[in-house]
Amino acid sequence: MRRSLMNRPASVVRQGWWCEFAAYPMSDGGNGGAGLHANAADTPEQALVWMRIAVRVLLSAFDPEDAERAFRWLDHGQWEAVMRLRAGEPYAFVASCGDTRVDWSARPVLFLPLACRVRPCGEFA
């Protein structure tokens, strides 16, 4: 028996933004990146808050030119990032700390819910 369209469950996917931080040692040409942290965000603004906080944490270690660029980005550059993320485009901020390149990025994704949920003790379906 076919289910009617009225009884179809709502879409299980939800829009979100995936944020990543990675560090790349320049001694090997910047190819051997080590992913250090990832975060899921529900809005482009949340993704940018995560990026802004993470950039501020390492700001004092940036090379002088990158530190100046980061200050400008923190002051007014994030608006471009929000607009790109809202438009469905990825966004990245890259800086150098000595011989290491650090990279923060955010991109739109579709999240799927977990297939099974853990229920509290004593609760049955």
PDB file of N, CA and C in Angstrom:
ATOM      1  N   MET A   1       0.838  -1.170   0.000  1.00  0.00           N
ATOM      2  CA  MET A   1       0.000   0.000   0.000  1.00  0.00           C
ATOM      3  C   MET A   1       0.890   1.243   0.000  1.00  0.00           C
ATOM      4  N   ARG A   2       0.590   2.187  -0.880  1.00  0.00           N
ATOM      5  CA  ARG A   2       1.389   3.412  -0.964  1.00  0.00           C
ATOM      6  C   ARG A   2       0.932   4.413   0.090  1.00  0.00           C
ATOM      7  N   ARG A   3       1.895   5.089   0.656  1.00  0.00           N
ATOM      8  CA  ARG A   3       1.590   6.143   1.623  1.00  0.00           C
ATOM      9  C   ARG A   3       1.228   7.401   0.869  1.00  0.00           C
ATOM     10  N   SER A   4       0.277   8.114   1.365  1.00  0.00           N
ATOM     11  CA  SER A   4      -0.082   9.372   0.710  1.00  0.00           C
ATOM     12  C   SER A   4       0.975  10.423   1.007  1.00  0.00           C
ATOM     13  N   LEU A   5       1.048  11.448   0.154  1.00  0.00           N
ATOM     14  CA  LEU A   5       2.010  12.524   0.369  1.00  0.00           C
ATOM     15  C   LEU A   5       1.732  13.281   1.657  1.00  0.00           C
ATOM     16  N   MET A   6       0.491  13.287   2.100  1.00  0.00           N
ATOM     17  CA  MET A   6       0.144  13.994   3.339  1.00  0.00           C
ATOM     18  C   MET A   6       0.769  13.320   4.558  1.00  0.00           C
ATOM     19  N   ASN A   7       1.015  12.022   4.481  1.00  0.00           N
ATOM     20  CA  ASN A   7       1.558  11.291   5.624  1.00  0.00           C
ATOM     21  C   ASN A   7       3.074  11.132   5.557  1.00  0.00           C
ATOM     22  N   ARG A   8       3.685  11.709   4.563  1.00  0.00           N
ATOM     23  CA  ARG A   8       5.139  11.603   4.429  1.00  0.00           C
ATOM     24  C   ARG A   8       5.833  12.349   5.552  1.00  0.00           C
ATOM     25  N   PRO A   9       6.882  11.773   6.124  1.00  0.00           N
ATOM     26  CA  PRO A   9       7.603  12.484   7.179  1.00  0.00           C
ATOM     27  C   PRO A   9       8.336  13.700   6.601  1.00  0.00           C
ATOM     28  N   ALA A  10       8.523  14.702   7.431  1.00  0.00           N
ATOM     29  CA  ALA A  10       9.260  15.895   7.012  1.00  0.00           C
ATOM     30  C   ALA A  10      10.700  15.504   6.672  1.00  0.00           C
ATOM     31  N   SER A  11      11.344  16.330   5.909  1.00  0.00           N
ATOM     32  CA  SER A  11      12.726  16.081   5.523  1.00  0.00           C
ATOM     33  C   SER A  11      13.584  15.887   6.766  1.00  0.00           C
ATOM     34  N   VAL A  12      14.472  14.916   6.718  1.00  0.00           N
ATOM     35  CA  VAL A  12      15.307  14.622   7.873  1.00  0.00           C
ATOM     36  C   VAL A  12      16.613  15.402   7.853  1.00  0.00           C
ATOM     37  N   VAL A  13      16.931  16.024   6.752  1.00  0.00           N
ATOM     38  CA  VAL A  13      18.179  16.794   6.698  1.00  0.00           C
ATOM     39  C   VAL A  13      17.921  18.218   7.172  1.00  0.00           C
ATOM     40  N   ARG A  14      18.978  18.834   7.703  1.00  0.00           N
ATOM     41  CA  ARG A  14      18.872  20.235   8.093  1.00  0.00           C
ATOM     42  C   ARG A  14      20.116  20.963   7.626  1.00  0.00           C
ATOM     43  N   GLN A  15      19.947  22.218   7.261  1.00  0.00           N
ATOM     44  CA  GLN A  15      21.043  23.071   6.808  1.00  0.00           C
ATOM     45  C   GLN A  15      21.930  23.412   8.000  1.00  0.00           C
ATOM     46  N   GLY A  16      23.217  23.467   7.766  1.00  0.00           N
ATOM     47  CA  GLY A  16      24.165  23.860   8.803  1.00  0.00           C
ATOM     48  C   GLY A  16      25.469  24.293   8.172  1.00  0.00           C
ATOM     49  N   TRP A  17      26.441  24.628   8.994  1.00  0.00           N
ATOM     50  CA  TRP A  17      27.758  25.039   8.526  1.00  0.00           C
ATOM     51  C   TRP A  17      28.792  24.269   9.308  1.00  0.00           C
ATOM     52  N   TRP A  18      29.762  23.701   8.585  1.00  0.00           N
ATOM     53  CA  TRP A  18      30.830  22.915   9.180  1.00  0.00           C
ATOM     54  C   TRP A  18      32.071  23.780   9.251  1.00  0.00           C
ATOM     55  N   CYS A  19      32.626  23.909  10.451  1.00  0.00           N
ATOM     56  CA  CYS A  19      33.792  24.758  10.691  1.00  0.00           C
ATOM     57  C   CYS A  19      34.987  23.875  11.041  1.00  0.00           C
ATOM     58  N   GLU A  20      36.138  24.226  10.499  1.00  0.00           N
ATOM     59  CA  GLU A  20      37.348  23.456  10.772  1.00  0.00           C
ATOM     60  C   GLU A  20      38.520  24.375  11.036  1.00  0.00           C
ATOM     61  N   PHE A  21      39.436  23.887  11.859  1.00  0.00           N
ATOM     62  CA  PHE A  21      40.715  24.543  12.102  1.00  0.00           C
ATOM     63  C   PHE A  21      41.785  23.520  11.806  1.00  0.00           C
ATOM     64  N   ALA A  22      42.800  23.911  11.043  1.00  0.00           N
ATOM     65  CA  ALA A  22      43.904  23.005  10.736  1.00  0.00           C
ATOM     66  C   ALA A  22      45.206  23.787  10.747  1.00  0.00           C
ATOM     67  N   ALA A  23      46.286  23.096  11.067  1.00  0.00           N
ATOM     68  CA  ALA A  23      47.626  23.684  11.058  1.00  0.00           C
ATOM     69  C   ALA A  23      48.495  22.881  10.103  1.00  0.00           C
ATOM     70  N   TYR A  24      49.278  23.586   9.314  1.00  0.00           N
ATOM     71  CA  TYR A  24      50.118  22.960   8.294  1.00  0.00           C
ATOM     72  C   TYR A  24      51.560  23.387   8.496  1.00  0.00           C
ATOM     73  N   PRO A  25      52.459  22.472   8.869  1.00  0.00           N
ATOM     74  CA  PRO A  25      53.873  22.836   8.983  1.00  0.00           C
ATOM     75  C   PRO A  25      54.443  23.128   7.596  1.00  0.00           C
ATOM     76  N   MET A  26      55.072  24.281   7.440  1.00  0.00           N
ATOM     77  CA  MET A  26      55.601  24.672   6.136  1.00  0.00           C
ATOM     78  C   MET A  26      56.881  23.902   5.794  1.00  0.00           C
ATOM     79  N   SER A  27      57.476  23.218   6.762  1.00  0.00           N
ATOM     80  CA  SER A  27      58.698  22.456   6.498  1.00  0.00           C
ATOM     81  C   SER A  27      58.462  21.332   5.489  1.00  0.00           C
ATOM     82  N   ASP A  28      57.223  20.841   5.398  1.00  0.00           N
ATOM     83  CA  ASP A  28      56.932  19.792   4.407  1.00  0.00           C
ATOM     84  C   ASP A  28      56.117  20.348   3.238  1.00  0.00           C
ATOM     85  N   GLY A  29      56.219  21.644   3.013  1.00  0.00           N
ATOM     86  CA  GLY A  29      55.526  22.269   1.893  1.00  0.00           C
ATOM     87  C   GLY A  29      54.078  22.604   2.189  1.00  0.00           C
ATOM     88  N   GLY A  30      53.662  22.471   3.427  1.00  0.00           N
ATOM     89  CA  GLY A  30      52.280  22.798   3.803  1.00  0.00           C
ATOM     90  C   GLY A  30      51.276  21.740   3.413  1.00  0.00           C
ATOM     91  N   ASN A  31      51.754  20.538   3.064  1.00  0.00           N
ATOM     92  CA  ASN A  31      50.842  19.491   2.599  1.00  0.00           C
ATOM     93  C   ASN A  31      50.382  18.542   3.697  1.00  0.00           C
ATOM     94  N   GLY A  32      51.097  18.468   4.795  1.00  0.00           N
ATOM     95  CA  GLY A  32      50.769  17.499   5.835  1.00  0.00           C
ATOM     96  C   GLY A  32      49.942  18.104   6.948  1.00  0.00           C
ATOM     97  N   GLY A  33      48.798  18.662   6.609  1.00  0.00           N
ATOM     98  CA  GLY A  33      47.963  19.344   7.595  1.00  0.00           C
ATOM     99  C   GLY A  33      47.450  18.419   8.681  1.00  0.00           C
ATOM    100  N   ALA A  34      47.386  18.973   9.861  1.00  0.00           N
ATOM    101  CA  ALA A  34      46.836  18.237  10.990  1.00  0.00           C
ATOM    102  C   ALA A  34      45.551  18.917  11.411  1.00  0.00           C
ATOM    103  N   GLY A  35      44.421  18.263  11.197  1.00  0.00           N
ATOM    104  CA  GLY A  35      43.154  18.820  11.635  1.00  0.00           C
ATOM    105  C   GLY A  35      43.117  18.847  13.153  1.00  0.00           C
ATOM    106  N   LEU A  36      42.951  20.006  13.711  1.00  0.00           N
ATOM    107  CA  LEU A  36      43.006  20.120  15.156  1.00  0.00           C
ATOM    108  C   LEU A  36      41.638  20.250  15.813  1.00  0.00           C
ATOM    109  N   HIS A  37      40.675  20.829  15.107  1.00  0.00           N
ATOM    110  CA  HIS A  37      39.377  21.044  15.733  1.00  0.00           C
ATOM    111  C   HIS A  37      38.309  21.233  14.662  1.00  0.00           C
ATOM    112  N   ALA A  38      37.114  20.758  14.948  1.00  0.00           N
ATOM    113  CA  ALA A  38      35.970  20.959  14.049  1.00  0.00           C
ATOM    114  C   ALA A  38      34.756  21.308  14.889  1.00  0.00           C
ATOM    115  N   ASN A  39      33.814  22.014  14.284  1.00  0.00           N
ATOM    116  CA  ASN A  39      32.636  22.481  14.989  1.00  0.00           C
ATOM    117  C   ASN A  39      31.466  22.563  14.014  1.00  0.00           C
ATOM    118  N   ALA A  40      30.274  22.244  14.490  1.00  0.00           N
ATOM    119  CA  ALA A  40      29.061  22.389  13.686  1.00  0.00           C
ATOM    120  C   ALA A  40      28.338  23.650  14.148  1.00  0.00           C
ATOM    121  N   ALA A  41      27.833  24.423  13.189  1.00  0.00           N
ATOM    122  CA  ALA A  41      27.101  25.645  13.503  1.00  0.00           C
ATOM    123  C   ALA A  41      25.746  25.599  12.811  1.00  0.00           C
ATOM    124  N   ASP A  42      24.754  26.199  13.448  1.00  0.00           N
ATOM    125  CA  ASP A  42      23.405  26.227  12.881  1.00  0.00           C
ATOM    126  C   ASP A  42      23.173  27.408  11.953  1.00  0.00           C
ATOM    127  N   THR A  43      23.982  28.464  12.087  1.00  0.00           N
ATOM    128  CA  THR A  43      23.816  29.666  11.270  1.00  0.00           C
ATOM    129  C   THR A  43      25.183  30.156  10.804  1.00  0.00           C
ATOM    130  N   PRO A  44      25.224  30.971   9.740  1.00  0.00           N
ATOM    131  CA  PRO A  44      26.495  31.557   9.327  1.00  0.00           C
ATOM    132  C   PRO A  44      27.096  32.431  10.435  1.00  0.00           C
ATOM    133  N   GLU A  45      26.238  33.110  11.184  1.00  0.00           N
ATOM    134  CA  GLU A  45      26.728  33.968  12.259  1.00  0.00           C
ATOM    135  C   GLU A  45      27.417  33.147  13.348  1.00  0.00           C
ATOM    136  N   GLN A  46      26.855  31.987  13.688  1.00  0.00           N
ATOM    137  CA  GLN A  46      27.491  31.114  14.677  1.00  0.00           C
ATOM    138  C   GLN A  46      28.837  30.601  14.170  1.00  0.00           C
ATOM    139  N   ALA A  47      28.910  30.292  12.885  1.00  0.00           N
ATOM    140  CA  ALA A  47      30.180  29.848  12.299  1.00  0.00           C
ATOM    141  C   ALA A  47      31.234  30.943  12.424  1.00  0.00           C
ATOM    142  N   LEU A  48      30.827  32.184  12.166  1.00  0.00           N
ATOM    143  CA  LEU A  48      31.773  33.305  12.259  1.00  0.00           C
ATOM    144  C   LEU A  48      32.172  33.607  13.691  1.00  0.00           C
ATOM    145  N   VAL A  49      31.262  33.446  14.630  1.00  0.00           N
ATOM    146  CA  VAL A  49      31.622  33.637  16.041  1.00  0.00           C
ATOM    147  C   VAL A  49      32.706  32.632  16.412  1.00  0.00           C
ATOM    148  N   TRP A  50      32.523  31.373  15.998  1.00  0.00           N
ATOM    149  CA  TRP A  50      33.527  30.351  16.271  1.00  0.00           C
ATOM    150  C   TRP A  50      34.871  30.727  15.652  1.00  0.00           C
ATOM    151  N   MET A  51      34.854  31.172  14.388  1.00  0.00           N
ATOM    152  CA  MET A  51      36.097  31.556  13.715  1.00  0.00           C
ATOM    153  C   MET A  51      36.752  32.745  14.398  1.00  0.00           C
ATOM    154  N   ARG A  52      35.972  33.759  14.750  1.00  0.00           N
ATOM    155  CA  ARG A  52      36.518  34.971  15.381  1.00  0.00           C
ATOM    156  C   ARG A  52      37.190  34.643  16.718  1.00  0.00           C
ATOM    157  N   ILE A  53      36.551  33.807  17.524  1.00  0.00           N
ATOM    158  CA  ILE A  53      37.144  33.435  18.811  1.00  0.00           C
ATOM    159  C   ILE A  53      38.446  32.676  18.594  1.00  0.00           C
ATOM    160  N   ALA A  54      38.432  31.736  17.651  1.00  0.00           N
ATOM    161  CA  ALA A  54      39.623  30.931  17.384  1.00  0.00           C
ATOM    162  C   ALA A  54      40.770  31.788  16.843  1.00  0.00           C
ATOM    163  N   VAL A  55      40.472  32.758  15.985  1.00  0.00           N
ATOM    164  CA  VAL A  55      41.512  33.652  15.461  1.00  0.00           C
ATOM    165  C   VAL A  55      42.103  34.482  16.603  1.00  0.00           C
ATOM    166  N   ARG A  56      41.254  34.988  17.485  1.00  0.00           N
ATOM    167  CA  ARG A  56      41.740  35.802  18.613  1.00  0.00           C
ATOM    168  C   ARG A  56      42.663  35.012  19.532  1.00  0.00           C
ATOM    169  N   VAL A  57      42.409  33.715  19.679  1.00  0.00           N
ATOM    170  CA  VAL A  57      43.249  32.890  20.553  1.00  0.00           C
ATOM    171  C   VAL A  57      44.693  32.883  20.072  1.00  0.00           C
ATOM    172  N   LEU A  58      44.909  32.802  18.766  1.00  0.00           N
ATOM    173  CA  LEU A  58      46.275  32.724  18.218  1.00  0.00           C
ATOM    174  C   LEU A  58      46.818  34.052  17.697  1.00  0.00           C
ATOM    175  N   LEU A  59      46.053  35.104  17.796  1.00  0.00           N
ATOM    176  CA  LEU A  59      46.428  36.392  17.204  1.00  0.00           C
ATOM    177  C   LEU A  59      47.819  36.859  17.616  1.00  0.00           C
ATOM    178  N   SER A  60      48.184  36.715  18.857  1.00  0.00           N
ATOM    179  CA  SER A  60      49.491  37.209  19.318  1.00  0.00           C
ATOM    180  C   SER A  60      50.654  36.414  18.739  1.00  0.00           C
ATOM    181  N   ALA A  61      50.394  35.218  18.200  1.00  0.00           N
ATOM    182  CA  ALA A  61      51.454  34.395  17.619  1.00  0.00           C
ATOM    183  C   ALA A  61      51.609  34.604  16.116  1.00  0.00           C
ATOM    184  N   PHE A  62      50.691  35.337  15.486  1.00  0.00           N
ATOM    185  CA  PHE A  62      50.764  35.550  14.040  1.00  0.00           C
ATOM    186  C   PHE A  62      51.995  36.361  13.657  1.00  0.00           C
ATOM    187  N   ASP A  63      52.456  36.146  12.432  1.00  0.00           N
ATOM    188  CA  ASP A  63      53.487  37.014  11.865  1.00  0.00           C
ATOM    189  C   ASP A  63      52.915  38.429  11.811  1.00  0.00           C
ATOM    190  N   PRO A  64      53.764  39.472  11.909  1.00  0.00           N
ATOM    191  CA  PRO A  64      53.260  40.851  11.985  1.00  0.00           C
ATOM    192  C   PRO A  64      52.276  41.238  10.882  1.00  0.00           C
ATOM    193  N   GLU A  65      52.563  40.878   9.648  1.00  0.00           N
ATOM    194  CA  GLU A  65      51.663  41.231   8.539  1.00  0.00           C
ATOM    195  C   GLU A  65      50.308  40.539   8.690  1.00  0.00           C
ATOM    196  N   ASP A  66      50.319  39.264   9.082  1.00  0.00           N
ATOM    197  CA  ASP A  66      49.068  38.532   9.272  1.00  0.00           C
ATOM    198  C   ASP A  66      48.308  39.034  10.491  1.00  0.00           C
ATOM    199  N   ALA A  67      49.022  39.466  11.524  1.00  0.00           N
ATOM    200  CA  ALA A  67      48.354  40.017  12.708  1.00  0.00           C
ATOM    201  C   ALA A  67      47.602  41.293  12.337  1.00  0.00           C
ATOM    202  N   GLU A  68      48.216  42.143  11.535  1.00  0.00           N
ATOM    203  CA  GLU A  68      47.543  43.375  11.095  1.00  0.00           C
ATOM    204  C   GLU A  68      46.314  43.053  10.244  1.00  0.00           C
ATOM    205  N   ARG A  69      46.445  42.085   9.344  1.00  0.00           N
ATOM    206  CA  ARG A  69      45.316  41.672   8.503  1.00  0.00           C
ATOM    207  C   ARG A  69      44.198  41.074   9.361  1.00  0.00           C
ATOM    208  N   ALA A  70      44.579  40.302  10.381  1.00  0.00           N
ATOM    209  CA  ALA A  70      43.586  39.701  11.274  1.00  0.00           C
ATOM    210  C   ALA A  70      42.839  40.780  12.061  1.00  0.00           C
ATOM    211  N   PHE A  71      43.555  41.806  12.523  1.00  0.00           N
ATOM    212  CA  PHE A  71      42.880  42.902  13.228  1.00  0.00           C
ATOM    213  C   PHE A  71      41.866  43.587  12.316  1.00  0.00           C
ATOM    214  N   ARG A  72      42.238  43.811  11.057  1.00  0.00           N
ATOM    215  CA  ARG A  72      41.299  44.428  10.108  1.00  0.00           C
ATOM    216  C   ARG A  72      40.084  43.521   9.885  1.00  0.00           C
ATOM    217  N   TRP A  73      40.335  42.221   9.740  1.00  0.00           N
ATOM    218  CA  TRP A  73      39.237  41.269   9.530  1.00  0.00           C
ATOM    219  C   TRP A  73      38.320  41.231  10.749  1.00  0.00           C
ATOM    220  N   LEU A  74      38.905  41.223  11.937  1.00  0.00           N
ATOM    221  CA  LEU A  74      38.086  41.206  13.151  1.00  0.00           C
ATOM    222  C   LEU A  74      37.267  42.480  13.296  1.00  0.00           C
ATOM    223  N   ASP A  75      37.806  43.603  12.833  1.00  0.00           N
ATOM    224  CA  ASP A  75      37.083  44.879  12.930  1.00  0.00           C
ATOM    225  C   ASP A  75      35.906  44.958  11.969  1.00  0.00           C
ATOM    226  N   HIS A  76      36.108  44.542  10.706  1.00  0.00           N
ATOM    227  CA  HIS A  76      35.020  44.713   9.737  1.00  0.00           C
ATOM    228  C   HIS A  76      35.004  43.703   8.592  1.00  0.00           C
ATOM    229  N   GLY A  77      35.878  42.741   8.568  1.00  0.00           N
ATOM    230  CA  GLY A  77      35.940  41.801   7.457  1.00  0.00           C
ATOM    231  C   GLY A  77      34.977  40.640   7.527  1.00  0.00           C
ATOM    232  N   GLN A  78      34.391  40.401   8.696  1.00  0.00           N
ATOM    233  CA  GLN A  78      33.523  39.229   8.828  1.00  0.00           C
ATOM    234  C   GLN A  78      32.214  39.384   8.082  1.00  0.00           C
ATOM    235  N   TRP A  79      31.821  40.592   7.734  1.00  0.00           N
ATOM    236  CA  TRP A  79      30.556  40.779   7.003  1.00  0.00           C
ATOM    237  C   TRP A  79      30.608  40.110   5.640  1.00  0.00           C
ATOM    238  N   GLU A  80      31.754  40.201   4.980  1.00  0.00           N
ATOM    239  CA  GLU A  80      31.913  39.501   3.695  1.00  0.00           C
ATOM    240  C   GLU A  80      31.777  37.994   3.910  1.00  0.00           C
ATOM    241  N   ALA A  81      32.360  37.499   4.989  1.00  0.00           N
ATOM    242  CA  ALA A  81      32.288  36.069   5.279  1.00  0.00           C
ATOM    243  C   ALA A  81      30.852  35.623   5.500  1.00  0.00           C
ATOM    244  N   VAL A  82      30.078  36.377   6.268  1.00  0.00           N
ATOM    245  CA  VAL A  82      28.680  36.022   6.517  1.00  0.00           C
ATOM    246  C   VAL A  82      27.902  36.002   5.211  1.00  0.00           C
ATOM    247  N   MET A  83      28.115  37.000   4.364  1.00  0.00           N
ATOM    248  CA  MET A  83      27.406  37.047   3.084  1.00  0.00           C
ATOM    249  C   MET A  83      27.760  35.856   2.204  1.00  0.00           C
ATOM    250  N   ARG A  84      29.019  35.482   2.163  1.00  0.00           N
ATOM    251  CA  ARG A  84      29.420  34.315   1.370  1.00  0.00           C
ATOM    252  C   ARG A  84      28.773  33.039   1.909  1.00  0.00           C
ATOM    253  N   LEU A  85      28.813  32.871   3.235  1.00  0.00           N
ATOM    254  CA  LEU A  85      28.225  31.670   3.834  1.00  0.00           C
ATOM    255  C   LEU A  85      26.720  31.623   3.595  1.00  0.00           C
ATOM    256  N   ARG A  86      26.046  32.759   3.718  1.00  0.00           N
ATOM    257  CA  ARG A  86      24.604  32.802   3.449  1.00  0.00           C
ATOM    258  C   ARG A  86      24.297  32.450   2.002  1.00  0.00           C
ATOM    259  N   ALA A  87      25.211  32.801   1.093  1.00  0.00           N
ATOM    260  CA  ALA A  87      25.027  32.517  -0.331  1.00  0.00           C
ATOM    261  C   ALA A  87      25.388  31.075  -0.680  1.00  0.00           C
ATOM    262  N   GLY A  88      25.786  30.294   0.317  1.00  0.00           N
ATOM    263  CA  GLY A  88      26.127  28.896   0.061  1.00  0.00           C
ATOM    264  C   GLY A  88      27.557  28.679  -0.358  1.00  0.00           C
ATOM    265  N   GLU A  89      28.416  29.666  -0.172  1.00  0.00           N
ATOM    266  CA  GLU A  89      29.823  29.556  -0.540  1.00  0.00           C
ATOM    267  C   GLU A  89      30.668  29.259   0.701  1.00  0.00           C
ATOM    268  N   PRO A  90      31.784  28.550   0.527  1.00  0.00           N
ATOM    269  CA  PRO A  90      32.698  28.343   1.659  1.00  0.00           C
ATOM    270  C   PRO A  90      33.480  29.622   1.941  1.00  0.00           C
ATOM    271  N   TYR A  91      34.054  29.712   3.139  1.00  0.00           N
ATOM    272  CA  TYR A  91      34.879  30.864   3.502  1.00  0.00           C
ATOM    273  C   TYR A  91      36.051  30.364   4.343  1.00  0.00           C
ATOM    274  N   ALA A  92      37.223  30.968   4.160  1.00  0.00           N
ATOM    275  CA  ALA A  92      38.405  30.583   4.933  1.00  0.00           C
ATOM    276  C   ALA A  92      39.212  31.815   5.310  1.00  0.00           C
ATOM    277  N   PHE A  93      39.857  31.737   6.452  1.00  0.00           N
ATOM    278  CA  PHE A  93      40.810  32.753   6.900  1.00  0.00           C
ATOM    279  C   PHE A  93      42.111  32.020   7.186  1.00  0.00           C
ATOM    280  N   VAL A  94      43.202  32.481   6.586  1.00  0.00           N
ATOM    281  CA  VAL A  94      44.499  31.816   6.698  1.00  0.00           C
ATOM    282  C   VAL A  94      45.518  32.809   7.236  1.00  0.00           C
ATOM    283  N   ALA A  95      46.376  32.328   8.134  1.00  0.00           N
ATOM    284  CA  ALA A  95      47.447  33.160   8.683  1.00  0.00           C
ATOM    285  C   ALA A  95      48.664  32.276   8.935  1.00  0.00           C
ATOM    286  N   SER A  96      49.791  32.925   9.227  1.00  0.00           N
ATOM    287  CA  SER A  96      51.021  32.199   9.520  1.00  0.00           C
ATOM    288  C   SER A  96      51.489  32.497  10.932  1.00  0.00           C
ATOM    289  N   CYS A  97      51.967  31.446  11.579  1.00  0.00           N
ATOM    290  CA  CYS A  97      52.586  31.547  12.905  1.00  0.00           C
ATOM    291  C   CYS A  97      53.970  30.921  12.772  1.00  0.00           C
ATOM    292  N   GLY A  98      54.968  31.755  12.511  1.00  0.00           N
ATOM    293  CA  GLY A  98      56.318  31.222  12.303  1.00  0.00           C
ATOM    294  C   GLY A  98      56.351  30.345  11.077  1.00  0.00           C
ATOM    295  N   ASP A  99      56.727  29.064  11.255  1.00  0.00           N
ATOM    296  CA  ASP A  99      56.801  28.157  10.103  1.00  0.00           C
ATOM    297  C   ASP A  99      55.544  27.298   9.960  1.00  0.00           C
ATOM    298  N   THR A 100      54.456  27.744  10.563  1.00  0.00           N
ATOM    299  CA  THR A 100      53.201  26.999  10.488  1.00  0.00           C
ATOM    300  C   THR A 100      52.094  27.873   9.897  1.00  0.00           C
ATOM    301  N   ARG A 101      51.379  27.315   8.937  1.00  0.00           N
ATOM    302  CA  ARG A 101      50.208  28.004   8.375  1.00  0.00           C
ATOM    303  C   ARG A 101      48.976  27.482   9.112  1.00  0.00           C
ATOM    304  N   VAL A 102      48.141  28.402   9.581  1.00  0.00           N
ATOM    305  CA  VAL A 102      46.901  28.005  10.260  1.00  0.00           C
ATOM    306  C   VAL A 102      45.724  28.432   9.405  1.00  0.00           C
ATOM    307  N   ASP A 103      44.704  27.592   9.394  1.00  0.00           N
ATOM    308  CA  ASP A 103      43.596  27.760   8.460  1.00  0.00           C
ATOM    309  C   ASP A 103      42.281  27.521   9.186  1.00  0.00           C
ATOM    310  N   TRP A 104      41.404  28.520   9.153  1.00  0.00           N
ATOM    311  CA  TRP A 104      40.048  28.374   9.688  1.00  0.00           C
ATOM    312  C   TRP A 104      39.112  28.406   8.496  1.00  0.00           C
ATOM    313  N   SER A 105      38.164  27.490   8.454  1.00  0.00           N
ATOM    314  CA  SER A 105      37.236  27.487   7.325  1.00  0.00           C
ATOM    315  C   SER A 105      35.838  27.115   7.797  1.00  0.00           C
ATOM    316  N   ALA A 106      34.857  27.561   7.025  1.00  0.00           N
ATOM    317  CA  ALA A 106      33.463  27.198   7.262  1.00  0.00           C
ATOM    318  C   ALA A 106      32.815  26.984   5.901  1.00  0.00           C
ATOM    319  N   ARG A 107      31.932  26.000   5.828  1.00  0.00           N
ATOM    320  CA  ARG A 107      31.243  25.736   4.569  1.00  0.00           C
ATOM    321  C   ARG A 107      29.842  25.216   4.872  1.00  0.00           C
ATOM    322  N   PRO A 108      28.897  25.515   3.980  1.00  0.00           N
ATOM    323  CA  PRO A 108      27.537  25.017   4.192  1.00  0.00           C
ATOM    324  C   PRO A 108      27.479  23.507   3.959  1.00  0.00           C
ATOM    325  N   VAL A 109      26.683  22.831   4.779  1.00  0.00           N
ATOM    326  CA  VAL A 109      26.503  21.389   4.674  1.00  0.00           C
ATOM    327  C   VAL A 109      25.053  21.043   5.003  1.00  0.00           C
ATOM    328  N   LEU A 110      24.684  19.813   4.730  1.00  0.00           N
ATOM    329  CA  LEU A 110      23.400  19.282   5.164  1.00  0.00           C
ATOM    330  C   LEU A 110      23.690  18.227   6.219  1.00  0.00           C
ATOM    331  N   PHE A 111      23.098  18.375   7.392  1.00  0.00           N
ATOM    332  CA  PHE A 111      23.292  17.422   8.475  1.00  0.00           C
ATOM    333  C   PHE A 111      22.158  16.402   8.478  1.00  0.00           C
ATOM    334  N   LEU A 112      22.515  15.147   8.706  1.00  0.00           N
ATOM    335  CA  LEU A 112      21.540  14.070   8.870  1.00  0.00           C
ATOM    336  C   LEU A 112      21.449  13.745  10.353  1.00  0.00           C
ATOM    337  N   PRO A 113      20.250  13.459  10.855  1.00  0.00           N
ATOM    338  CA  PRO A 113      20.151  13.072  12.258  1.00  0.00           C
ATOM    339  C   PRO A 113      20.733  11.675  12.456  1.00  0.00           C
ATOM    340  N   LEU A 114      21.061  11.351  13.681  1.00  0.00           N
ATOM    341  CA  LEU A 114      21.548  10.010  13.985  1.00  0.00           C
ATOM    342  C   LEU A 114      20.433   9.006  13.720  1.00  0.00           C
ATOM    343  N   ALA A 115      20.790   7.815  13.283  1.00  0.00           N
ATOM    344  CA  ALA A 115      19.802   6.800  12.938  1.00  0.00           C
ATOM    345  C   ALA A 115      19.037   6.316  14.166  1.00  0.00           C
ATOM    346  N   CYS A 116      19.704   6.166  15.272  1.00  0.00           N
ATOM    347  CA  CYS A 116      19.004   5.735  16.480  1.00  0.00           C
ATOM    348  C   CYS A 116      19.381   6.679  17.607  1.00  0.00           C
ATOM    349  N   ARG A 117      18.426   6.928  18.436  1.00  0.00           N
ATOM    350  CA  ARG A 117      18.660   7.811  19.571  1.00  0.00           C
ATOM    351  C   ARG A 117      18.700   6.988  20.838  1.00  0.00           C
ATOM    352  N   VAL A 118      19.517   7.406  21.761  1.00  0.00           N
ATOM    353  CA  VAL A 118      19.571   6.757  23.059  1.00  0.00           C
ATOM    354  C   VAL A 118      18.420   7.319  23.892  1.00  0.00           C
ATOM    355  N   ARG A 119      17.614   6.430  24.424  1.00  0.00           N
ATOM    356  CA  ARG A 119      16.472   6.859  25.237  1.00  0.00           C
ATOM    357  C   ARG A 119      16.879   6.773  26.708  1.00  0.00           C
ATOM    358  N   PRO A 120      16.282   7.613  27.550  1.00  0.00           N
ATOM    359  CA  PRO A 120      16.566   7.519  28.981  1.00  0.00           C
ATOM    360  C   PRO A 120      16.179   6.144  29.517  1.00  0.00           C
ATOM    361  N   CYS A 121      16.832   5.721  30.580  1.00  0.00           N
ATOM    362  CA  CYS A 121      16.568   4.406  31.172  1.00  0.00           C
ATOM    363  C   CYS A 121      15.088   4.237  31.483  1.00  0.00           C
ATOM    364  N   GLY A 122      14.541   3.103  31.158  1.00  0.00           N
ATOM    365  CA  GLY A 122      13.155   2.799  31.474  1.00  0.00           C
ATOM    366  C   GLY A 122      12.169   3.294  30.448  1.00  0.00           C
ATOM    367  N   GLU A 123      12.605   4.037  29.434  1.00  0.00           N
ATOM    368  CA  GLU A 123      11.687   4.551  28.414  1.00  0.00           C
ATOM    369  C   GLU A 123      11.754   3.633  27.198  1.00  0.00           C
ATOM    370  N   PHE A 124      10.622   3.139  26.759  1.00  0.00           N
ATOM    371  CA  PHE A 124      10.568   2.241  25.625  1.00  0.00           C
ATOM    372  C   PHE A 124       9.740   2.866  24.511  1.00  0.00           C
ATOM    373  N   ALA A 125       9.981   2.423  23.296  1.00  0.00           N
ATOM    374  CA  ALA A 125       9.268   2.950  22.146  1.00  0.00           C
ATOM    375  C   ALA A 125       7.811   2.595  22.149  1.00  0.00           C
TER     376      ALA A 125
END
